[in-house]
Amino acid sequence: MPLKFHRSYPPTAFGALLSVLMIAHGATACRCNASQTPTRAPTQPQPRPGEEPEFETPDDAGSDARAALPPCTLGARTPLASNVGDAATDRFETPSIEWGSRGAFVAFVDRASARLQVARSSDVLSSVALGRETVSALRAIELSPERSLVFSVSAVDRARWQRAFVTEGGALRPLAARRGAADDALNLAACAVRGGALIAWDEAVSEGRSAVRVQRWTGAERAEPTTITVSAPEHDASDPVLAALPDGGAVVAYLALQEVEVEIANQSAADIVVRALGPDGAPRGEPIVLTPRPKTRFGVTLHMTSTGRWAAWRLASDSDHEGLGDGGRVAVVALGDDLRPVRTPEYLTELDVVPAGRIAIVSEGGADGRADVYWTERRGEDLVTVRRSVGRDGALLGPARDEPALAGQLPIGGPASEPTVASWGPAGEPGVARARCPR
């Protein structure tokens, strides 16, 4: 029987830590300006089966289009939480550094006190007791300078527990809890939308099949809000990500898994599907399949602005176990305002490098019509940050370049010229630093 990898694929403990940080979360930063209307990307022929370049095909497109720019430099570190005299490096569990209207803030579990805490500086803003359960995923979304939502996922008593909290007036209080099946994924995506926030996750609906669910939260709930299924019924859907649209809605992307024969591959292949959602989480239009045929894909990232939309992911060759951790290639594609690809995907990496962990995309918010894609590569024992620019249509604008100052970290938000990255203290204390990246 073929093995089926439905869930997350952290290559190392470091990669697992990175997977909870927000980027351009989305993975890009949520930019929700209802006064801006997306501009349709240039019309291009749509991909057809067989048009996507094969995994083995080298792609040097754009490598000579522009000389390499000077590397990024990194400013001073700003702590987001203090160690309070505790030298334990594992005190800060599942830290989730997020981007808000007043800059970065962090949510984390303080293992020493077993409390969920939210902080914007070395002083804790608010906290609540969690008990001794182990939190596997944590997301915080700012609704306003005075109110944030925090979502946690943990496994307790052979069940998946999803909890929601709200910060108000310096207090962190619980809103609701949801109990799921023990074999449901311990992951969660979240993004701010007009008037609230959306969260997305995948859960089993039958043996060997999952669906992506969405809820809308405002912070005023007294009970769990309505759950909406946003994946297509025919899809075995997993690993959703969310990104805000400038009109106040959002886009969800997920993997549509398909079983393949053992002789072809040793895990399930997947297509990447995107779908527009309203501010209430209800689907707007039909799901769009970005990819022309199932292959081993994972680590999807979205970035949406008023003038450009991009999706990126990792692609592994068939029968490549290593591709589910370190390895594979980084691909990017630009989307039109109908979410269909405007051209075939481009590969940002060559065959002789080893990408690891997630991907991040940042831009100037539409000012120059292009974006910077960041990823990390394994170089022996080191993890190196790499950057490459793409145009509004997804075309490569120059060669990939190492960013040694970022030391294996990826942007969590801010403009492409001055992105903010996570920066950890000597005992694992979460903090941030602002980079300056010539474009």
Protein backbone atom coordinates (compact mmCIF):
# COMPACT_ATOMS: atom_id res chain seq x y z
CA MET A 1 0.00 0.00 0.00
CA PRO A 2 1.32 3.49 -0.75
CA LEU A 3 2.12 5.69 2.18
CA LYS A 4 -0.01 8.80 2.49
CA PHE A 5 1.49 11.98 3.91
CA HIS A 6 -1.45 14.22 4.70
CA ARG A 7 0.09 16.59 7.14
CA SER A 8 3.04 18.87 7.83
CA TYR A 9 6.60 17.90 6.97
CA PRO A 10 9.12 19.66 9.23
CA PRO A 11 12.66 18.63 8.24
CA THR A 12 14.16 19.42 11.62
CA ALA A 13 13.17 20.85 14.97
CA PHE A 14 14.29 24.18 13.59
CA GLY A 15 12.02 23.74 10.59
CA ALA A 16 9.14 22.90 12.91
CA LEU A 17 9.74 26.14 14.77
CA LEU A 18 9.75 28.10 11.56
CA SER A 19 6.46 26.56 10.45
CA VAL A 20 4.53 28.39 13.18
CA LEU A 21 5.86 31.85 12.43
CA MET A 22 3.67 34.15 10.42
CA ILE A 23 4.68 35.52 7.16
CA ALA A 24 3.24 37.23 4.53
CA HIS A 25 0.96 34.34 6.03
CA GLY A 26 0.61 34.52 5.82
CA ALA A 27 2.68 33.37 5.49
CA THR A 28 2.37 36.71 4.10
CA ALA A 29 1.36 39.67 6.16
CA CYS A 30 -2.38 40.28 5.92
CA ARG A 31 -3.04 43.52 4.09
CA CYS A 32 -6.74 44.22 4.39
CA ASN A 33 -7.58 47.60 2.84
CA ALA A 34 -11.16 47.48 1.64
CA SER A 35 -10.67 50.64 -0.43
CA GLN A 36 -8.27 48.90 -2.79
CA THR A 37 -9.48 46.78 -5.67
CA PRO A 38 -7.21 44.09 -7.14
CA THR A 39 -5.95 44.81 -10.63
CA ARG A 40 -6.24 42.02 -13.17
CA ALA A 41 -2.88 40.56 -14.03
CA PRO A 42 -1.87 40.40 -17.71
CA THR A 43 -3.83 37.79 -19.62
CA GLN A 44 -1.73 34.77 -20.57
CA PRO A 45 -2.57 31.31 -21.90
CA GLN A 46 -3.65 29.00 -19.11
CA PRO A 47 -1.50 25.97 -18.20
CA ARG A 48 -2.57 22.69 -19.76
CA PRO A 49 -1.59 19.19 -18.68
CA GLY A 50 2.01 18.59 -19.64
CA GLU A 51 3.01 22.28 -19.84
CA GLU A 52 4.58 22.47 -16.39
CA PRO A 53 8.33 21.93 -16.69
CA GLU A 54 9.48 18.52 -15.54
CA PHE A 55 11.23 18.35 -12.17
CA GLU A 56 14.49 17.28 -13.79
CA THR A 57 14.62 20.22 -16.23
CA PRO A 58 17.15 22.91 -15.20
CA ASP A 59 15.77 26.42 -15.41
CA ASP A 60 18.16 29.38 -15.64
CA ALA A 61 15.49 31.83 -16.80
CA GLY A 62 16.11 35.29 -15.44
CA SER A 63 19.58 34.54 -14.11
CA ASP A 64 21.14 37.13 -16.42
CA ALA A 65 18.20 39.51 -16.49
CA ARG A 66 19.65 41.76 -13.80
CA ALA A 67 22.87 41.86 -11.82
CA ALA A 68 22.70 40.57 -8.27
CA LEU A 69 21.78 43.29 -5.78
CA PRO A 70 23.75 44.02 -2.60
CA PRO A 71 22.80 41.71 0.26
CA CYS A 72 20.44 42.57 3.11
CA THR A 73 21.77 44.03 6.33
CA LEU A 74 20.19 43.41 9.72
CA GLY A 75 19.48 45.99 12.41
CA ALA A 76 19.44 45.67 16.17
CA ARG A 77 17.32 43.00 17.85
CA THR A 78 14.12 44.04 19.65
CA PRO A 79 13.02 41.55 22.34
CA LEU A 80 9.35 40.58 22.42
CA ALA A 81 9.55 38.61 25.66
CA SER A 82 12.10 38.38 28.43
CA ASN A 83 13.50 35.21 29.95
CA VAL A 84 12.65 36.36 33.50
CA GLY A 85 15.81 34.83 34.93
CA ASP A 86 15.12 31.34 33.58
CA ALA A 87 18.04 30.01 31.54
CA ALA A 88 16.07 27.09 30.04
CA THR A 89 16.23 27.28 26.26
CA ASP A 90 12.94 25.39 25.85
CA ARG A 91 10.85 27.68 28.05
CA PHE A 92 9.21 29.45 25.09
CA GLU A 93 7.09 26.73 23.49
CA THR A 94 5.52 27.10 20.02
CA PRO A 95 6.27 30.84 19.66
CA SER A 96 4.19 32.51 16.96
CA ILE A 97 5.58 35.89 15.94
CA GLU A 98 2.93 37.91 14.13
CA TRP A 99 2.66 41.23 12.31
CA GLY A 100 0.19 43.87 13.51
CA SER A 101 -0.61 47.56 13.09
CA ARG A 102 2.01 48.54 15.69
CA GLY A 103 4.66 46.11 14.48
CA ALA A 104 5.50 42.60 15.61
CA PHE A 105 4.05 40.80 18.61
CA VAL A 106 4.31 37.25 19.87
CA ALA A 107 2.12 34.54 21.36
CA PHE A 108 3.79 31.61 23.09
CA VAL A 109 3.36 29.02 25.81
CA ASP A 110 5.53 29.66 28.84
CA ARG A 111 6.47 26.12 29.80
CA ALA A 112 7.72 27.21 33.23
CA SER A 113 4.30 28.54 34.28
CA ALA A 114 2.10 26.55 31.85
CA ARG A 115 0.48 29.76 30.65
CA LEU A 116 -0.38 31.07 27.20
CA GLN A 117 1.10 34.55 26.89
CA VAL A 118 0.87 37.42 24.41
CA ALA A 119 3.55 40.12 24.40
CA ARG A 120 4.60 43.05 22.27
CA SER A 121 7.79 43.87 24.16
CA SER A 122 9.74 42.36 27.02
CA ASP A 123 6.65 42.98 29.17
CA VAL A 124 3.86 40.40 28.91
CA LEU A 125 0.60 41.98 27.77
CA SER A 126 -1.72 39.21 28.89
CA SER A 127 -1.74 35.53 29.81
CA VAL A 128 -4.05 32.67 30.73
CA ALA A 129 -3.45 29.28 32.34
CA LEU A 130 -3.33 26.36 29.89
CA GLY A 131 -2.65 23.38 32.09
CA ARG A 132 -0.01 20.85 31.12
CA GLU A 133 -1.14 20.06 27.60
CA THR A 134 1.40 20.37 24.79
CA VAL A 135 0.45 22.97 22.19
CA SER A 136 1.44 21.95 18.67
CA ALA A 137 0.25 25.05 16.78
CA LEU A 138 -0.39 28.63 17.84
CA ARG A 139 -1.62 31.60 15.79
CA ALA A 140 -2.41 35.17 16.85
CA ILE A 141 -4.30 37.69 14.71
CA GLU A 142 -4.61 41.39 15.52
CA LEU A 143 -8.12 42.76 14.95
CA SER A 144 -7.31 46.22 16.30
CA PRO A 145 -4.59 47.79 18.47
CA GLU A 146 -6.72 46.87 21.49
CA ARG A 147 -7.96 43.40 20.51
CA SER A 148 -6.28 40.24 19.23
CA LEU A 149 -7.44 36.68 18.72
CA VAL A 150 -5.25 33.72 19.66
CA PHE A 151 -5.86 30.16 18.47
CA SER A 152 -4.15 27.04 19.77
CA VAL A 153 -4.18 23.38 18.74
CA SER A 154 -3.16 20.52 21.03
CA ALA A 155 -3.66 16.81 21.50
CA VAL A 156 -5.33 15.85 24.80
CA ASP A 157 -6.94 12.56 25.83
CA ARG A 158 -6.64 11.06 22.35
CA ALA A 159 -8.40 14.02 20.76
CA ARG A 160 -7.51 17.17 18.83
CA TRP A 161 -8.41 20.30 20.81
CA GLN A 162 -8.74 23.68 19.11
CA ARG A 163 -9.13 26.67 21.43
CA ALA A 164 -9.83 30.36 20.82
CA PHE A 165 -8.87 33.27 23.11
CA VAL A 166 -9.25 37.05 22.92
CA THR A 167 -7.08 39.81 24.40
CA GLU A 168 -8.96 42.82 25.74
CA GLY A 169 -7.95 45.41 28.32
CA GLY A 170 -4.75 43.58 29.13
CA ALA A 171 -6.58 40.31 29.83
CA LEU A 172 -6.51 37.09 27.82
CA ARG A 173 -9.74 35.12 28.16
CA PRO A 174 -11.02 31.94 26.50
CA LEU A 175 -13.83 32.14 23.94
CA ALA A 176 -14.58 28.55 22.91
CA ALA A 177 -13.03 25.11 22.45
CA ARG A 178 -13.57 22.51 19.75
CA ARG A 179 -12.87 18.78 20.11
CA GLY A 180 -11.85 16.82 17.02
CA ALA A 181 -10.86 13.28 16.15
CA ALA A 182 -7.52 11.97 17.39
CA ASP A 183 -6.20 11.47 13.85
CA ASP A 184 -7.00 15.00 12.68
CA ALA A 185 -4.01 17.18 11.79
CA LEU A 186 -2.50 19.34 14.52
CA ASN A 187 -2.17 22.38 12.30
CA LEU A 188 -4.05 25.66 11.81
CA ALA A 189 -4.06 28.62 9.43
CA ALA A 190 -5.42 32.08 10.27
CA CYS A 191 -5.73 35.50 8.70
CA ALA A 192 -7.43 38.82 9.45
CA VAL A 193 -10.41 39.77 7.27
CA ARG A 194 -12.86 42.66 7.34
CA GLY A 195 -14.48 42.72 10.76
CA GLY A 196 -12.73 39.66 12.15
CA ALA A 197 -10.48 36.72 11.39
CA LEU A 198 -10.74 33.41 9.54
CA ILE A 199 -9.16 30.17 10.69
CA ALA A 200 -8.79 27.05 8.54
CA TRP A 201 -7.84 23.44 9.28
CA ASP A 202 -8.33 19.99 7.79
CA GLU A 203 -10.18 17.12 9.41
CA ALA A 204 -11.09 13.57 8.43
CA VAL A 205 -14.57 13.11 6.95
CA SER A 206 -14.19 9.43 6.07
CA GLU A 207 -11.47 6.82 6.02
CA GLY A 208 -8.61 8.14 3.89
CA ARG A 209 -10.34 11.45 3.04
CA SER A 210 -10.19 14.91 4.63
CA ALA A 211 -11.89 18.26 4.11
CA VAL A 212 -10.83 21.85 4.80
CA ARG A 213 -13.04 23.72 7.27
CA VAL A 214 -13.21 27.46 7.96
CA GLN A 215 -14.64 29.56 10.80
CA ARG A 216 -15.02 33.31 11.17
CA TRP A 217 -14.27 34.88 14.56
CA THR A 218 -14.81 38.45 15.80
CA GLY A 219 -13.73 38.18 19.44
CA ALA A 220 -17.30 38.73 20.67
CA GLU A 221 -18.35 35.06 20.49
CA ARG A 222 -20.03 33.31 23.40
CA ALA A 223 -20.08 29.99 21.55
CA GLU A 224 -18.22 28.37 18.68
CA PRO A 225 -19.15 30.01 15.34
CA THR A 226 -20.52 28.19 12.32
CA THR A 227 -18.11 25.88 10.50
CA ILE A 228 -17.98 26.08 6.68
CA THR A 229 -16.48 23.43 4.39
CA VAL A 230 -14.53 25.21 1.65
CA SER A 231 -12.79 22.31 -0.12
CA ALA A 232 -14.44 20.56 -3.04
CA PRO A 233 -16.23 17.28 -2.14
CA GLU A 234 -14.09 15.29 -4.56
CA HIS A 235 -10.83 16.50 -3.01
CA ASP A 236 -8.92 14.73 -0.27
CA ALA A 237 -7.95 18.15 1.08
CA SER A 238 -5.19 18.92 3.58
CA ASP A 239 -2.71 21.52 4.83
CA PRO A 240 -4.67 24.75 4.21
CA VAL A 241 -3.11 28.21 4.21
CA LEU A 242 -4.89 31.57 4.25
CA ALA A 243 -3.99 35.03 2.94
CA ALA A 244 -6.04 38.23 3.15
CA LEU A 245 -7.34 40.02 0.08
CA PRO A 246 -7.36 43.83 -0.07
CA ASP A 247 -11.17 43.82 -0.40
CA GLY A 248 -11.57 42.32 3.08
CA GLY A 249 -11.96 38.70 2.00
CA ALA A 250 -9.31 36.00 1.78
CA VAL A 251 -7.88 33.21 -0.35
CA VAL A 252 -7.50 29.66 0.92
CA ALA A 253 -5.07 27.21 -0.67
CA TYR A 254 -4.87 23.51 0.10
CA LEU A 255 -3.41 20.26 -1.20
CA ALA A 256 -5.73 17.89 -3.07
CA LEU A 257 -4.10 14.53 -2.42
CA GLN A 258 -4.29 11.63 -4.86
CA GLU A 259 -3.17 8.07 -4.37
CA VAL A 260 -0.61 6.77 -6.87
CA GLU A 261 0.70 3.31 -7.56
CA VAL A 262 3.65 2.01 -5.53
CA GLU A 263 5.60 1.51 -8.75
CA ILE A 264 5.32 5.24 -9.48
CA ALA A 265 5.85 6.83 -6.06
CA ASN A 266 6.01 5.96 -2.40
CA GLN A 267 3.66 8.67 -1.17
CA SER A 268 0.54 10.50 -2.34
CA ALA A 269 0.89 13.16 -5.00
CA ALA A 270 -1.07 16.40 -4.76
CA ASP A 271 -2.47 19.24 -6.80
CA ILE A 272 -2.63 22.74 -5.32
CA VAL A 273 -6.12 24.27 -5.15
CA VAL A 274 -7.06 27.89 -4.37
CA ARG A 275 -10.45 29.40 -3.65
CA ALA A 276 -11.66 32.92 -2.86
CA LEU A 277 -13.56 33.45 0.39
CA GLY A 278 -15.73 36.31 1.59
CA PRO A 279 -15.14 38.06 4.93
CA ASP A 280 -17.63 35.60 6.44
CA GLY A 281 -15.62 32.62 5.19
CA ALA A 282 -18.19 31.63 2.56
CA PRO A 283 -16.66 30.52 -0.78
CA ARG A 284 -16.80 32.97 -3.68
CA GLY A 285 -16.63 31.06 -6.93
CA GLU A 286 -15.38 27.58 -7.66
CA PRO A 287 -12.06 26.03 -6.56
CA ILE A 288 -9.20 26.66 -8.99
CA VAL A 289 -6.57 23.95 -9.54
CA LEU A 290 -3.23 25.72 -10.00
CA THR A 291 -1.19 22.73 -11.05
CA PRO A 292 -1.56 20.73 -14.28
CA ARG A 293 -1.13 17.26 -12.76
CA PRO A 294 -0.53 15.70 -9.33
CA LYS A 295 3.05 15.63 -8.08
CA THR A 296 4.69 15.63 -4.65
CA ARG A 297 3.98 19.21 -3.53
CA PHE A 298 3.87 20.78 -0.09
CA GLY A 299 4.73 23.94 1.88
CA VAL A 300 2.34 26.26 0.02
CA THR A 301 2.63 30.03 0.62
CA LEU A 302 0.34 32.83 -0.62
CA HIS A 303 0.90 36.59 -0.95
CA MET A 304 -1.89 38.96 -2.02
CA THR A 305 -1.69 42.72 -2.70
CA SER A 306 -3.80 45.25 -4.60
CA THR A 307 -1.68 44.79 -7.75
CA GLY A 308 -0.16 41.32 -7.52
CA ARG A 309 -0.90 37.80 -6.31
CA TRP A 310 1.59 34.97 -5.97
CA ALA A 311 1.68 31.37 -4.77
CA ALA A 312 4.84 29.39 -4.01
CA TRP A 313 5.49 25.81 -2.91
CA ARG A 314 8.04 23.03 -2.71
CA LEU A 315 8.09 20.31 -5.36
CA ALA A 316 9.81 16.96 -4.85
CA SER A 317 10.58 14.37 -7.49
CA ASP A 318 8.54 11.15 -7.52
CA SER A 319 9.55 8.60 -4.88
CA ASP A 320 11.58 11.24 -3.04
CA HIS A 321 11.24 10.80 0.72
CA GLU A 322 13.84 13.49 1.29
CA GLY A 323 11.67 15.98 -0.56
CA LEU A 324 9.17 15.85 2.30
CA GLY A 325 11.85 17.30 4.60
CA ASP A 326 14.93 18.80 2.96
CA GLY A 327 15.21 18.85 -0.82
CA GLY A 328 13.01 19.39 -3.82
CA ARG A 329 12.68 22.66 -5.72
CA VAL A 330 10.98 25.97 -4.94
CA ALA A 331 8.31 26.95 -7.46
CA VAL A 332 6.35 30.21 -7.84
CA VAL A 333 3.41 31.27 -10.00
CA ALA A 334 1.51 34.54 -10.37
CA LEU A 335 -2.28 34.56 -10.21
CA GLY A 336 -4.83 36.76 -11.93
CA ASP A 337 -7.74 38.35 -10.09
CA ASP A 338 -9.71 35.20 -10.94
CA LEU A 339 -6.97 33.21 -9.13
CA ARG A 340 -5.97 31.36 -12.30
CA PRO A 341 -2.25 31.21 -13.15
CA VAL A 342 -1.17 33.86 -15.62
CA ARG A 343 1.69 31.67 -16.86
CA THR A 344 3.34 28.35 -16.05
CA PRO A 345 5.25 28.05 -12.76
CA GLU A 346 8.88 29.13 -12.52
CA TYR A 347 11.51 27.27 -10.52
CA LEU A 348 13.60 29.51 -8.27
CA THR A 349 16.16 26.85 -7.35
CA GLU A 350 18.49 24.61 -9.29
CA LEU A 351 18.78 20.83 -8.95
CA ASP A 352 22.02 20.91 -6.94
CA VAL A 353 20.67 22.82 -3.91
CA VAL A 354 18.72 21.52 -0.91
CA PRO A 355 15.78 23.76 0.10
CA ALA A 356 14.57 23.26 3.66
CA GLY A 357 11.61 24.54 5.66
CA ARG A 358 9.00 26.96 4.47
CA ILE A 359 8.83 29.82 1.95
CA ALA A 360 8.01 33.51 2.45
CA ILE A 361 6.91 36.20 -0.01
CA VAL A 362 7.04 39.95 0.64
CA SER A 363 6.47 43.00 -1.55
CA GLU A 364 6.11 46.76 -1.36
CA GLY A 365 2.32 46.35 -1.28
CA GLY A 366 1.91 46.95 -5.00
CA ALA A 367 4.20 49.96 -5.32
CA ASP A 368 6.56 48.38 -7.86
CA GLY A 369 4.57 45.36 -9.05
CA ARG A 370 7.06 42.71 -8.00
CA ALA A 371 7.78 40.52 -5.00
CA ASP A 372 10.74 38.90 -3.25
CA VAL A 373 10.56 35.18 -2.51
CA TYR A 374 12.62 33.88 0.42
CA TRP A 375 13.47 30.32 1.34
CA THR A 376 16.21 28.49 3.22
CA GLU A 377 18.76 25.98 1.94
CA ARG A 378 20.68 23.30 3.80
CA ARG A 379 24.47 23.77 3.41
CA GLY A 380 26.04 21.01 5.49
CA GLU A 381 25.13 21.86 9.10
CA ASP A 382 24.13 25.42 8.21
CA LEU A 383 20.77 26.84 7.14
CA VAL A 384 21.16 29.74 4.69
CA THR A 385 18.50 32.29 3.73
CA VAL A 386 18.11 32.84 -0.03
CA ARG A 387 16.16 35.56 -1.90
CA ARG A 388 14.97 35.90 -5.49
CA SER A 389 12.77 38.55 -7.13
CA VAL A 390 9.80 37.83 -9.38
CA GLY A 391 7.62 40.09 -11.47
CA ARG A 392 3.90 40.69 -11.28
CA ASP A 393 3.47 37.92 -13.85
CA GLY A 394 5.70 35.51 -11.90
CA ALA A 395 8.69 35.83 -14.25
CA LEU A 396 12.14 35.66 -12.61
CA LEU A 397 13.82 39.07 -12.45
CA GLY A 398 17.32 38.11 -11.42
CA PRO A 399 19.51 35.42 -9.94
CA ALA A 400 19.01 33.88 -6.52
CA ARG A 401 21.26 35.44 -3.89
CA ASP A 402 22.28 34.37 -0.40
CA GLU A 403 21.31 36.63 2.49
CA PRO A 404 23.82 35.67 5.19
CA ALA A 405 22.71 38.45 7.55
CA LEU A 406 19.31 36.75 7.93
CA ALA A 407 21.01 33.59 9.24
CA GLY A 408 18.34 31.08 8.24
CA GLN A 409 15.36 33.29 9.16
CA LEU A 410 12.57 34.41 6.81
CA PRO A 411 10.53 37.64 6.82
CA ILE A 412 7.40 37.68 8.94
CA GLY A 413 6.05 40.95 7.56
CA GLY A 414 6.80 44.51 6.56
CA PRO A 415 7.70 45.87 3.11
CA ALA A 416 10.19 44.05 0.90
CA SER A 417 12.77 46.83 1.28
CA GLU A 418 12.64 46.61 5.11
CA PRO A 419 11.25 43.21 6.09
CA THR A 420 11.10 42.10 9.72
CA VAL A 421 12.59 38.74 10.69
CA ALA A 422 12.55 36.69 13.87
CA SER A 423 15.61 37.00 16.10
CA TRP A 424 16.15 34.71 19.07
CA GLY A 425 17.93 35.49 22.32
CA PRO A 426 20.60 33.26 23.92
CA ALA A 427 17.98 31.32 25.91
CA GLY A 428 15.44 31.14 23.09
CA GLU A 429 13.69 34.42 23.89
CA PRO A 430 11.56 35.55 20.92
CA GLY A 431 12.41 38.87 19.32
CA VAL A 432 12.58 40.60 15.96
CA ALA A 433 15.00 42.63 13.87
CA ARG A 434 14.43 44.83 10.84
CA ALA A 435 16.44 44.15 7.71
CA ARG A 436 17.31 46.52 4.91
CA CYS A 437 17.21 44.75 1.55
CA PRO A 438 18.23 46.72 -1.58
CA ARG A 439 15.88 46.14 -4.50
